[in-house]
N, C-alpha and C. Protein backbone atom coordinates (compact mmCIF):
# COMPACT_ATOMS: atom_id res chain seq x y z
N UNK A 1 -7.43 -22.16 9.68
CA UNK A 1 -6.29 -22.22 8.81
C UNK A 1 -5.03 -21.96 9.64
N UNK A 2 -4.06 -22.85 9.55
CA UNK A 2 -2.80 -22.70 10.28
C UNK A 2 -1.83 -21.89 9.45
N UNK A 3 -1.22 -20.91 10.11
CA UNK A 3 -0.26 -20.06 9.40
C UNK A 3 1.12 -20.31 9.95
N UNK A 4 2.13 -20.25 9.10
CA UNK A 4 3.50 -20.39 9.60
C UNK A 4 3.79 -19.32 10.65
N UNK A 5 4.56 -19.69 11.68
CA UNK A 5 4.88 -18.76 12.77
C UNK A 5 5.54 -17.48 12.27
N UNK A 6 6.34 -17.58 11.24
CA UNK A 6 7.07 -16.41 10.77
C UNK A 6 6.12 -15.30 10.31
N UNK A 7 4.89 -15.64 9.88
CA UNK A 7 3.95 -14.62 9.44
C UNK A 7 3.54 -13.69 10.58
N UNK A 8 3.83 -14.09 11.80
CA UNK A 8 3.50 -13.26 12.94
C UNK A 8 4.68 -12.40 13.41
N UNK A 9 5.76 -12.39 12.66
CA UNK A 9 6.96 -11.63 13.04
C UNK A 9 7.02 -10.34 12.24
N UNK A 10 6.95 -9.24 12.96
CA UNK A 10 6.92 -7.93 12.31
C UNK A 10 8.30 -7.30 12.25
N UNK A 11 8.55 -6.63 11.14
CA UNK A 11 9.71 -5.77 11.00
C UNK A 11 9.19 -4.35 11.21
N UNK A 12 9.67 -3.68 12.22
CA UNK A 12 9.26 -2.30 12.47
C UNK A 12 10.22 -1.41 11.68
N UNK A 13 9.66 -0.66 10.77
CA UNK A 13 10.46 0.17 9.87
C UNK A 13 11.05 1.38 10.58
N UNK A 14 12.18 1.82 10.08
CA UNK A 14 12.80 3.05 10.54
C UNK A 14 11.98 4.21 9.97
N UNK A 15 11.46 5.04 10.84
CA UNK A 15 10.57 6.12 10.39
C UNK A 15 11.30 7.18 9.56
N UNK A 16 12.63 7.13 9.55
CA UNK A 16 13.39 8.11 8.78
C UNK A 16 13.73 7.61 7.38
N UNK A 17 13.45 6.35 7.11
CA UNK A 17 13.75 5.78 5.79
C UNK A 17 12.47 5.62 4.99
N UNK A 18 12.63 5.62 3.67
CA UNK A 18 11.49 5.54 2.77
C UNK A 18 11.67 4.39 1.80
N UNK A 19 10.57 3.76 1.48
CA UNK A 19 10.56 2.69 0.50
C UNK A 19 9.96 3.28 -0.78
N UNK A 20 10.68 3.10 -1.87
CA UNK A 20 10.20 3.60 -3.16
C UNK A 20 10.34 2.48 -4.18
N UNK A 21 9.29 2.30 -4.96
CA UNK A 21 9.36 1.35 -6.08
C UNK A 21 8.61 1.94 -7.25
N UNK A 22 8.99 1.47 -8.43
CA UNK A 22 8.31 1.89 -9.65
C UNK A 22 7.87 0.63 -10.38
N UNK A 23 6.71 0.73 -11.04
CA UNK A 23 6.22 -0.39 -11.83
C UNK A 23 5.79 0.12 -13.20
N UNK A 24 5.65 -0.83 -14.11
CA UNK A 24 5.03 -0.48 -15.37
C UNK A 24 3.52 -0.42 -15.15
N UNK A 25 2.76 -0.22 -16.18
CA UNK A 25 1.31 -0.07 -16.02
C UNK A 25 0.61 -1.38 -15.66
N UNK A 26 1.32 -2.49 -15.75
CA UNK A 26 0.75 -3.79 -15.37
C UNK A 26 1.11 -4.18 -13.93
N UNK A 27 1.90 -3.34 -13.25
CA UNK A 27 2.29 -3.63 -11.87
C UNK A 27 3.57 -4.44 -11.75
N UNK A 28 4.36 -4.52 -12.81
CA UNK A 28 5.63 -5.24 -12.79
C UNK A 28 6.72 -4.26 -12.34
N UNK A 29 7.50 -4.67 -11.35
CA UNK A 29 8.51 -3.79 -10.76
C UNK A 29 9.63 -3.48 -11.76
N UNK A 30 9.91 -2.18 -11.89
CA UNK A 30 11.00 -1.72 -12.76
C UNK A 30 12.11 -1.03 -11.97
N UNK A 31 11.82 -0.67 -10.71
CA UNK A 31 12.80 0.00 -9.85
C UNK A 31 12.46 -0.30 -8.40
N UNK A 32 13.49 -0.51 -7.60
CA UNK A 32 13.33 -0.68 -6.16
C UNK A 32 14.49 0.02 -5.47
N UNK A 33 14.18 0.92 -4.54
CA UNK A 33 15.28 1.59 -3.85
C UNK A 33 15.94 0.63 -2.85
N UNK A 34 17.08 1.02 -2.32
CA UNK A 34 17.86 0.14 -1.45
C UNK A 34 17.09 -0.29 -0.20
N UNK A 35 16.31 0.62 0.38
CA UNK A 35 15.58 0.26 1.60
C UNK A 35 14.48 -0.76 1.30
N UNK A 36 13.84 -0.65 0.14
CA UNK A 36 12.84 -1.64 -0.26
C UNK A 36 13.51 -3.01 -0.40
N UNK A 37 14.66 -3.05 -1.05
CA UNK A 37 15.38 -4.30 -1.22
C UNK A 37 15.75 -4.89 0.14
N UNK A 38 16.28 -4.05 1.02
CA UNK A 38 16.68 -4.50 2.36
C UNK A 38 15.49 -5.07 3.14
N UNK A 39 14.41 -4.33 3.21
CA UNK A 39 13.25 -4.74 4.01
C UNK A 39 12.55 -5.94 3.41
N UNK A 40 12.40 -5.97 2.10
CA UNK A 40 11.66 -7.06 1.46
C UNK A 40 12.39 -8.39 1.56
N UNK A 41 13.71 -8.35 1.67
CA UNK A 41 14.49 -9.58 1.74
C UNK A 41 14.81 -10.17 0.37
N UNK A 42 14.30 -9.54 -0.67
CA UNK A 42 14.59 -9.98 -2.03
C UNK A 42 15.81 -9.24 -2.55
N UNK A 43 16.50 -9.83 -3.49
CA UNK A 43 17.58 -9.12 -4.16
C UNK A 43 16.97 -8.21 -5.21
N UNK A 44 17.75 -7.27 -5.69
CA UNK A 44 17.28 -6.39 -6.76
C UNK A 44 16.90 -7.22 -7.98
N UNK A 45 17.70 -8.22 -8.27
CA UNK A 45 17.46 -9.09 -9.43
C UNK A 45 16.13 -9.85 -9.26
N UNK A 46 15.81 -10.26 -8.04
CA UNK A 46 14.56 -10.98 -7.79
C UNK A 46 13.34 -10.06 -7.92
N UNK A 47 13.51 -8.79 -7.57
CA UNK A 47 12.38 -7.85 -7.61
C UNK A 47 12.10 -7.31 -9.01
N UNK A 48 13.14 -6.88 -9.71
CA UNK A 48 12.94 -6.25 -11.02
C UNK A 48 12.38 -7.29 -11.99
N UNK A 49 11.27 -6.91 -12.63
CA UNK A 49 10.63 -7.81 -13.58
C UNK A 49 9.57 -8.71 -12.95
N UNK A 50 9.35 -8.55 -11.65
CA UNK A 50 8.39 -9.37 -10.93
C UNK A 50 7.15 -8.53 -10.60
N UNK A 51 5.96 -9.13 -10.66
CA UNK A 51 4.76 -8.38 -10.25
C UNK A 51 4.89 -7.89 -8.80
N UNK A 52 4.43 -6.67 -8.57
CA UNK A 52 4.55 -6.05 -7.24
C UNK A 52 3.80 -6.84 -6.17
N UNK A 53 2.83 -7.64 -6.58
CA UNK A 53 2.08 -8.41 -5.57
C UNK A 53 2.91 -9.52 -4.95
N UNK A 54 4.20 -9.62 -5.30
CA UNK A 54 5.10 -10.56 -4.64
C UNK A 54 5.18 -10.27 -3.14
N UNK A 55 4.91 -9.02 -2.76
CA UNK A 55 4.97 -8.65 -1.34
C UNK A 55 3.58 -8.53 -0.71
N UNK A 56 2.55 -8.99 -1.39
CA UNK A 56 1.19 -8.90 -0.85
C UNK A 56 1.02 -9.87 0.31
N UNK A 57 0.62 -9.34 1.43
CA UNK A 57 0.39 -10.15 2.64
C UNK A 57 -1.03 -10.71 2.61
N UNK A 58 -1.22 -11.97 3.04
CA UNK A 58 -2.56 -12.55 3.03
C UNK A 58 -3.55 -11.86 3.98
N UNK A 59 -3.06 -11.03 4.88
CA UNK A 59 -3.94 -10.29 5.78
C UNK A 59 -4.50 -9.02 5.15
N UNK A 60 -4.14 -8.75 3.91
CA UNK A 60 -4.64 -7.56 3.23
C UNK A 60 -5.91 -7.89 2.45
N UNK A 61 -6.97 -7.11 2.68
CA UNK A 61 -8.21 -7.33 1.92
C UNK A 61 -8.01 -7.01 0.44
N UNK A 62 -8.59 -7.82 -0.40
CA UNK A 62 -8.49 -7.61 -1.85
C UNK A 62 -9.14 -6.30 -2.26
N UNK A 63 -10.18 -5.90 -1.55
CA UNK A 63 -10.89 -4.68 -1.91
C UNK A 63 -9.98 -3.44 -1.81
N UNK A 64 -9.02 -3.46 -0.90
CA UNK A 64 -8.10 -2.33 -0.76
C UNK A 64 -7.24 -2.21 -2.01
N UNK A 65 -6.76 -3.34 -2.53
CA UNK A 65 -5.95 -3.30 -3.75
C UNK A 65 -6.79 -2.93 -4.96
N UNK A 66 -8.03 -3.39 -5.00
CA UNK A 66 -8.92 -3.02 -6.10
C UNK A 66 -9.13 -1.51 -6.09
N UNK A 67 -9.39 -0.96 -4.91
CA UNK A 67 -9.58 0.48 -4.77
C UNK A 67 -8.33 1.24 -5.22
N UNK A 68 -7.16 0.76 -4.80
CA UNK A 68 -5.92 1.42 -5.19
C UNK A 68 -5.73 1.39 -6.71
N UNK A 69 -5.91 0.21 -7.33
CA UNK A 69 -5.72 0.09 -8.78
C UNK A 69 -6.74 0.91 -9.55
N UNK A 70 -7.99 0.86 -9.10
CA UNK A 70 -9.02 1.66 -9.78
C UNK A 70 -8.64 3.14 -9.77
N UNK A 71 -8.16 3.60 -8.64
CA UNK A 71 -7.83 5.02 -8.52
C UNK A 71 -6.62 5.40 -9.34
N UNK A 72 -5.53 4.64 -9.22
CA UNK A 72 -4.32 5.05 -9.93
C UNK A 72 -4.47 4.88 -11.44
N UNK A 73 -5.28 3.91 -11.87
CA UNK A 73 -5.50 3.75 -13.31
C UNK A 73 -6.43 4.83 -13.86
N UNK A 74 -7.11 5.54 -12.95
CA UNK A 74 -7.96 6.67 -13.35
C UNK A 74 -7.24 7.99 -13.12
N UNK A 75 -5.92 7.91 -12.96
CA UNK A 75 -5.08 9.09 -12.73
C UNK A 75 -5.44 9.86 -11.47
N UNK A 76 -5.91 9.14 -10.47
CA UNK A 76 -6.21 9.76 -9.18
C UNK A 76 -5.24 9.21 -8.15
N UNK A 77 -4.79 10.08 -7.27
CA UNK A 77 -3.90 9.66 -6.22
C UNK A 77 -4.68 8.92 -5.14
N UNK A 78 -4.00 8.11 -4.38
CA UNK A 78 -4.62 7.43 -3.24
C UNK A 78 -3.54 7.14 -2.22
N UNK A 79 -3.91 7.22 -0.97
CA UNK A 79 -3.04 6.86 0.13
C UNK A 79 -3.71 5.68 0.83
N UNK A 80 -2.91 4.71 1.26
CA UNK A 80 -3.48 3.53 1.92
C UNK A 80 -2.53 3.00 2.98
N UNK A 81 -3.10 2.30 3.93
CA UNK A 81 -2.32 1.56 4.92
C UNK A 81 -2.19 0.13 4.40
N UNK A 82 -0.96 -0.35 4.29
CA UNK A 82 -0.74 -1.66 3.68
C UNK A 82 0.20 -2.49 4.54
N UNK A 83 -0.20 -3.75 4.72
CA UNK A 83 0.65 -4.73 5.39
C UNK A 83 1.32 -5.54 4.28
N UNK A 84 2.65 -5.49 4.25
CA UNK A 84 3.41 -6.18 3.21
C UNK A 84 4.14 -7.40 3.77
N UNK A 85 4.49 -8.31 2.89
CA UNK A 85 5.12 -9.58 3.23
C UNK A 85 6.55 -9.60 2.70
N UNK A 86 7.49 -10.05 3.52
CA UNK A 86 8.88 -10.18 3.07
C UNK A 86 9.12 -11.57 2.48
N UNK A 87 10.25 -11.73 1.86
CA UNK A 87 10.62 -13.02 1.27
C UNK A 87 10.63 -14.12 2.34
N UNK A 88 11.07 -13.76 3.55
CA UNK A 88 11.16 -14.72 4.65
C UNK A 88 9.82 -14.98 5.31
N UNK A 89 8.78 -14.24 4.91
CA UNK A 89 7.46 -14.43 5.50
C UNK A 89 7.16 -13.50 6.66
N UNK A 90 8.05 -12.57 6.94
CA UNK A 90 7.78 -11.57 7.97
C UNK A 90 6.89 -10.49 7.36
N UNK A 91 6.46 -9.53 8.17
CA UNK A 91 5.61 -8.47 7.63
C UNK A 91 6.04 -7.12 8.13
N UNK A 92 5.57 -6.08 7.43
CA UNK A 92 5.81 -4.70 7.83
C UNK A 92 4.66 -3.85 7.32
N UNK A 93 4.35 -2.80 8.07
CA UNK A 93 3.24 -1.90 7.74
C UNK A 93 3.77 -0.59 7.16
N UNK A 94 3.11 -0.13 6.11
CA UNK A 94 3.48 1.14 5.48
C UNK A 94 2.25 1.97 5.17
N UNK A 95 2.48 3.26 5.09
CA UNK A 95 1.53 4.16 4.46
C UNK A 95 2.09 4.35 3.07
N UNK A 96 1.26 4.12 2.07
CA UNK A 96 1.74 4.22 0.69
C UNK A 96 0.92 5.23 -0.09
N UNK A 97 1.60 5.91 -0.98
CA UNK A 97 0.96 6.88 -1.86
C UNK A 97 1.55 6.68 -3.25
N UNK A 98 0.76 6.92 -4.27
CA UNK A 98 1.17 6.63 -5.63
C UNK A 98 1.22 7.89 -6.49
N UNK A 99 2.01 7.78 -7.55
CA UNK A 99 2.05 8.85 -8.54
C UNK A 99 2.22 8.21 -9.91
N UNK A 100 1.42 8.63 -10.85
CA UNK A 100 1.52 8.13 -12.23
C UNK A 100 2.50 9.00 -13.00
N UNK A 101 3.31 8.36 -13.84
CA UNK A 101 4.20 9.11 -14.72
C UNK A 101 3.60 9.05 -16.12
N UNK A 102 3.49 10.21 -16.73
CA UNK A 102 2.87 10.34 -18.05
C UNK A 102 3.92 10.55 -19.13
N UNK A 103 3.65 10.02 -20.29
CA UNK A 103 4.45 10.31 -21.47
C UNK A 103 4.13 11.74 -21.88
N UNK A 104 5.16 12.56 -22.05
CA UNK A 104 4.95 13.99 -22.33
C UNK A 104 4.32 14.25 -23.69
N UNK A 105 4.50 13.33 -24.62
CA UNK A 105 3.92 13.53 -25.96
C UNK A 105 2.48 13.03 -26.05
N UNK A 106 2.23 11.85 -25.49
CA UNK A 106 0.91 11.24 -25.63
C UNK A 106 0.00 11.46 -24.44
N UNK A 107 0.59 11.88 -23.32
CA UNK A 107 -0.13 12.04 -22.06
C UNK A 107 -0.69 10.72 -21.52
N UNK A 108 -0.17 9.60 -22.01
CA UNK A 108 -0.58 8.29 -21.51
C UNK A 108 0.29 7.90 -20.33
N UNK A 109 -0.30 7.20 -19.38
CA UNK A 109 0.45 6.71 -18.23
C UNK A 109 1.44 5.65 -18.70
N UNK A 110 2.70 5.80 -18.27
CA UNK A 110 3.73 4.83 -18.65
C UNK A 110 4.27 4.06 -17.45
N UNK A 111 4.05 4.59 -16.25
CA UNK A 111 4.52 3.88 -15.06
C UNK A 111 3.88 4.48 -13.81
N UNK A 112 4.07 3.76 -12.70
CA UNK A 112 3.59 4.23 -11.40
C UNK A 112 4.74 4.17 -10.41
N UNK A 113 4.78 5.15 -9.54
CA UNK A 113 5.76 5.15 -8.46
C UNK A 113 4.99 5.08 -7.15
N UNK A 114 5.43 4.16 -6.28
CA UNK A 114 4.83 4.03 -4.95
C UNK A 114 5.83 4.56 -3.93
N UNK A 115 5.35 5.46 -3.09
CA UNK A 115 6.16 6.06 -2.04
C UNK A 115 5.62 5.53 -0.71
N UNK A 116 6.50 4.97 0.12
CA UNK A 116 6.04 4.38 1.37
C UNK A 116 6.91 4.80 2.54
N UNK A 117 6.25 4.92 3.68
CA UNK A 117 6.98 5.15 4.93
C UNK A 117 6.30 4.37 6.03
N UNK A 118 6.96 4.26 7.15
CA UNK A 118 6.44 3.50 8.29
C UNK A 118 5.06 4.03 8.68
N UNK A 119 4.15 3.10 8.90
CA UNK A 119 2.79 3.48 9.32
C UNK A 119 2.79 3.79 10.82
N UNK A 120 2.02 4.80 11.22
CA UNK A 120 1.90 5.10 12.66
C UNK A 120 1.28 3.92 13.41
N UNK A 121 1.81 3.60 14.56
CA UNK A 121 1.36 2.45 15.35
C UNK A 121 -0.13 2.53 15.68
N UNK A 122 -0.62 3.71 16.03
CA UNK A 122 -2.04 3.83 16.38
C UNK A 122 -2.93 3.61 15.16
N UNK A 123 -2.46 3.99 13.98
CA UNK A 123 -3.22 3.76 12.75
C UNK A 123 -3.30 2.26 12.46
N UNK A 124 -2.21 1.56 12.67
CA UNK A 124 -2.19 0.10 12.46
C UNK A 124 -3.21 -0.56 13.39
N UNK A 125 -3.19 -0.17 14.66
CA UNK A 125 -4.10 -0.77 15.64
C UNK A 125 -5.56 -0.53 15.25
N UNK A 126 -5.86 0.62 14.68
CA UNK A 126 -7.24 0.94 14.29
C UNK A 126 -7.66 0.24 13.00
N UNK A 127 -6.72 0.00 12.08
CA UNK A 127 -7.09 -0.59 10.79
C UNK A 127 -7.18 -2.11 10.85
N UNK A 128 -6.47 -2.75 11.75
CA UNK A 128 -6.45 -4.22 11.81
C UNK A 128 -7.86 -4.81 11.92
N UNK A 129 -8.71 -4.36 12.85
CA UNK A 129 -10.05 -4.97 12.93
C UNK A 129 -10.90 -4.71 11.68
N UNK A 130 -10.69 -3.58 11.04
CA UNK A 130 -11.43 -3.29 9.80
C UNK A 130 -10.98 -4.24 8.70
N UNK A 131 -9.68 -4.43 8.57
CA UNK A 131 -9.16 -5.35 7.55
C UNK A 131 -9.60 -6.79 7.83
N UNK A 132 -9.61 -7.19 9.10
CA UNK A 132 -10.07 -8.55 9.44
C UNK A 132 -11.52 -8.74 9.01
N UNK A 133 -12.35 -7.75 9.24
CA UNK A 133 -13.75 -7.83 8.84
C UNK A 133 -13.88 -7.91 7.32
N UNK A 134 -13.11 -7.10 6.61
CA UNK A 134 -13.15 -7.11 5.14
C UNK A 134 -12.72 -8.47 4.59
N UNK A 135 -11.69 -9.05 5.16
CA UNK A 135 -11.22 -10.36 4.71
C UNK A 135 -12.27 -11.42 4.99
N UNK A 136 -12.87 -11.36 6.16
CA UNK A 136 -13.92 -12.32 6.52
C UNK A 136 -15.08 -12.24 5.53
N UNK A 137 -15.48 -11.04 5.19
CA UNK A 137 -16.56 -10.85 4.21
C UNK A 137 -16.16 -11.35 2.83
N UNK A 138 -14.90 -11.14 2.45
CA UNK A 138 -14.42 -11.63 1.15
C UNK A 138 -14.44 -13.15 1.10
N UNK A 139 -14.09 -13.78 2.23
CA UNK A 139 -14.11 -15.25 2.28
C UNK A 139 -15.53 -15.79 2.20
N UNK A 140 -16.48 -15.07 2.79
CA UNK A 140 -17.88 -15.52 2.82
C UNK A 140 -18.62 -15.18 1.53
N UNK A 141 -18.46 -13.95 1.04
CA UNK A 141 -19.29 -13.52 -0.08
C UNK A 141 -18.58 -12.84 -1.21
N UNK A 142 -17.26 -12.90 -1.21
CA UNK A 142 -16.51 -12.28 -2.29
C UNK A 142 -16.22 -10.81 -2.04
N UNK A 143 -15.50 -10.24 -2.96
CA UNK A 143 -15.08 -8.85 -2.83
C UNK A 143 -16.26 -7.88 -2.81
N UNK A 144 -17.34 -8.25 -3.45
CA UNK A 144 -18.53 -7.38 -3.46
C UNK A 144 -19.04 -7.13 -2.04
N UNK A 145 -19.00 -8.17 -1.21
CA UNK A 145 -19.46 -8.02 0.17
C UNK A 145 -18.56 -7.10 0.97
N UNK A 146 -17.25 -7.23 0.78
CA UNK A 146 -16.34 -6.35 1.51
C UNK A 146 -16.46 -4.92 1.02
N UNK A 147 -16.72 -4.75 -0.27
CA UNK A 147 -16.91 -3.40 -0.80
C UNK A 147 -18.17 -2.76 -0.21
N UNK A 148 -19.24 -3.53 -0.09
CA UNK A 148 -20.48 -3.00 0.53
C UNK A 148 -20.22 -2.57 1.97
N UNK A 149 -19.49 -3.41 2.70
CA UNK A 149 -19.18 -3.08 4.10
C UNK A 149 -18.35 -1.81 4.17
N UNK A 150 -17.30 -1.71 3.35
CA UNK A 150 -16.43 -0.54 3.38
C UNK A 150 -17.21 0.72 3.02
N UNK A 151 -18.06 0.63 2.02
CA UNK A 151 -18.88 1.78 1.61
C UNK A 151 -19.78 2.23 2.75
N UNK A 152 -20.44 1.26 3.40
CA UNK A 152 -21.34 1.60 4.51
C UNK A 152 -20.55 2.14 5.71
N UNK A 153 -19.42 1.55 5.99
CA UNK A 153 -18.55 1.99 7.08
C UNK A 153 -18.20 3.47 6.90
N UNK A 154 -17.80 3.83 5.69
CA UNK A 154 -17.41 5.22 5.41
C UNK A 154 -18.63 6.14 5.44
N UNK A 155 -19.76 5.67 4.89
CA UNK A 155 -21.00 6.47 4.93
C UNK A 155 -21.44 6.73 6.36
N UNK A 156 -21.36 5.70 7.21
CA UNK A 156 -21.75 5.85 8.62
C UNK A 156 -20.87 6.87 9.34
N UNK A 157 -19.62 6.97 8.93
CA UNK A 157 -18.70 7.95 9.52
C UNK A 157 -18.79 9.30 8.81
N UNK A 158 -19.56 9.31 7.70
CA UNK A 158 -19.73 10.52 6.91
C UNK A 158 -18.40 11.08 6.41
N UNK A 159 -17.54 10.16 5.90
CA UNK A 159 -16.24 10.55 5.37
C UNK A 159 -15.97 9.80 4.07
N UNK A 160 -15.10 10.37 3.27
CA UNK A 160 -14.62 9.67 2.08
C UNK A 160 -13.48 8.74 2.52
N UNK A 161 -13.11 7.82 1.65
CA UNK A 161 -11.98 6.95 1.94
C UNK A 161 -10.73 7.79 2.20
N UNK A 162 -10.50 8.80 1.35
CA UNK A 162 -9.31 9.64 1.49
C UNK A 162 -9.28 10.37 2.83
N UNK A 163 -10.42 10.94 3.22
CA UNK A 163 -10.46 11.65 4.50
C UNK A 163 -10.26 10.69 5.67
N UNK A 164 -10.82 9.49 5.56
CA UNK A 164 -10.65 8.50 6.62
C UNK A 164 -9.17 8.15 6.79
N UNK A 165 -8.49 7.86 5.69
CA UNK A 165 -7.07 7.48 5.77
C UNK A 165 -6.23 8.67 6.22
N UNK A 166 -6.49 9.86 5.67
CA UNK A 166 -5.74 11.06 6.08
C UNK A 166 -5.83 11.26 7.59
N UNK A 167 -7.04 11.11 8.13
CA UNK A 167 -7.22 11.27 9.57
C UNK A 167 -6.53 10.15 10.34
N UNK A 168 -6.65 8.94 9.84
CA UNK A 168 -6.07 7.78 10.52
C UNK A 168 -4.55 7.89 10.64
N UNK A 169 -3.89 8.29 9.56
CA UNK A 169 -2.42 8.37 9.57
C UNK A 169 -1.92 9.76 9.93
N UNK A 170 -2.85 10.66 10.20
CA UNK A 170 -2.51 12.05 10.52
C UNK A 170 -1.66 12.66 9.40
N UNK A 171 -2.24 12.62 8.20
CA UNK A 171 -1.55 13.10 7.00
C UNK A 171 -1.60 14.63 6.95
N UNK A 172 -0.74 15.21 7.72
CA UNK A 172 -0.62 16.67 7.76
C UNK A 172 0.77 17.02 8.28
N UNK A 173 1.11 18.27 8.23
CA UNK A 173 2.38 18.73 8.77
C UNK A 173 3.58 17.99 8.20
N UNK A 174 4.46 17.57 9.10
CA UNK A 174 5.70 16.92 8.73
C UNK A 174 5.46 15.62 7.97
N UNK A 175 4.45 14.85 8.38
CA UNK A 175 4.13 13.60 7.72
C UNK A 175 3.84 13.85 6.24
N UNK A 176 2.99 14.83 5.98
CA UNK A 176 2.62 15.17 4.60
C UNK A 176 3.81 15.71 3.82
N UNK A 177 4.62 16.52 4.48
CA UNK A 177 5.80 17.10 3.83
C UNK A 177 6.79 16.02 3.39
N UNK A 178 6.86 14.92 4.16
CA UNK A 178 7.76 13.82 3.80
C UNK A 178 7.37 13.22 2.46
N UNK A 179 6.08 13.01 2.24
CA UNK A 179 5.62 12.45 0.97
C UNK A 179 5.88 13.43 -0.18
N UNK A 180 5.68 14.71 0.06
CA UNK A 180 5.94 15.71 -0.96
C UNK A 180 7.43 15.70 -1.33
N UNK A 181 8.28 15.62 -0.32
CA UNK A 181 9.73 15.60 -0.56
C UNK A 181 10.14 14.34 -1.32
N UNK A 182 9.56 13.19 -0.95
CA UNK A 182 9.87 11.94 -1.66
C UNK A 182 9.52 12.05 -3.13
N UNK A 183 8.36 12.60 -3.40
CA UNK A 183 7.90 12.71 -4.80
C UNK A 183 8.84 13.61 -5.60
N UNK A 184 9.29 14.70 -5.01
CA UNK A 184 10.20 15.61 -5.72
C UNK A 184 11.55 14.92 -5.96
N UNK A 185 12.02 14.19 -4.98
CA UNK A 185 13.33 13.56 -5.07
C UNK A 185 13.34 12.43 -6.10
N UNK A 186 12.27 11.64 -6.15
CA UNK A 186 12.26 10.45 -7.01
C UNK A 186 11.57 10.68 -8.35
N UNK A 187 11.11 11.88 -8.62
CA UNK A 187 10.44 12.14 -9.91
C UNK A 187 11.42 12.44 -11.00
């Protein structure tokens, strides 16, 4: 499959800036911070009201998004390494974490907020071959095959998905504090 050259052009994010977006429970964007607008290449008007998968890069395995949606819809947090696509077809890597907002009266989820920051370069290098394998399996046998591989991969390492990602992105110290601060600021 031939890909446009622009898909191979990366935007390296400023590690001091954060991307924040909010969606409704169906994944439709309701808020985008200025840095998200700048990096994505879309205008605010183009983003608001659009499904968040507008920035989904074809190099991302479907199983990763299934895992993320399953978790956040079950009111569980998840952190993931994600390769996103800009309007111009460029890409950028982020570590993303989610938070559900609940209605105080009904306790039902009313929206999700995604907090993102630049992914560590070594984490990107380690996840690329795993994602390539997952995509290959999805092309051959569907998402079920990639899920089996991911499950076995984690079992062989004797880690949960969360522990694997935490270790990969070094989710501790200052890195972890940044996500905590983002959540407090944007909540």
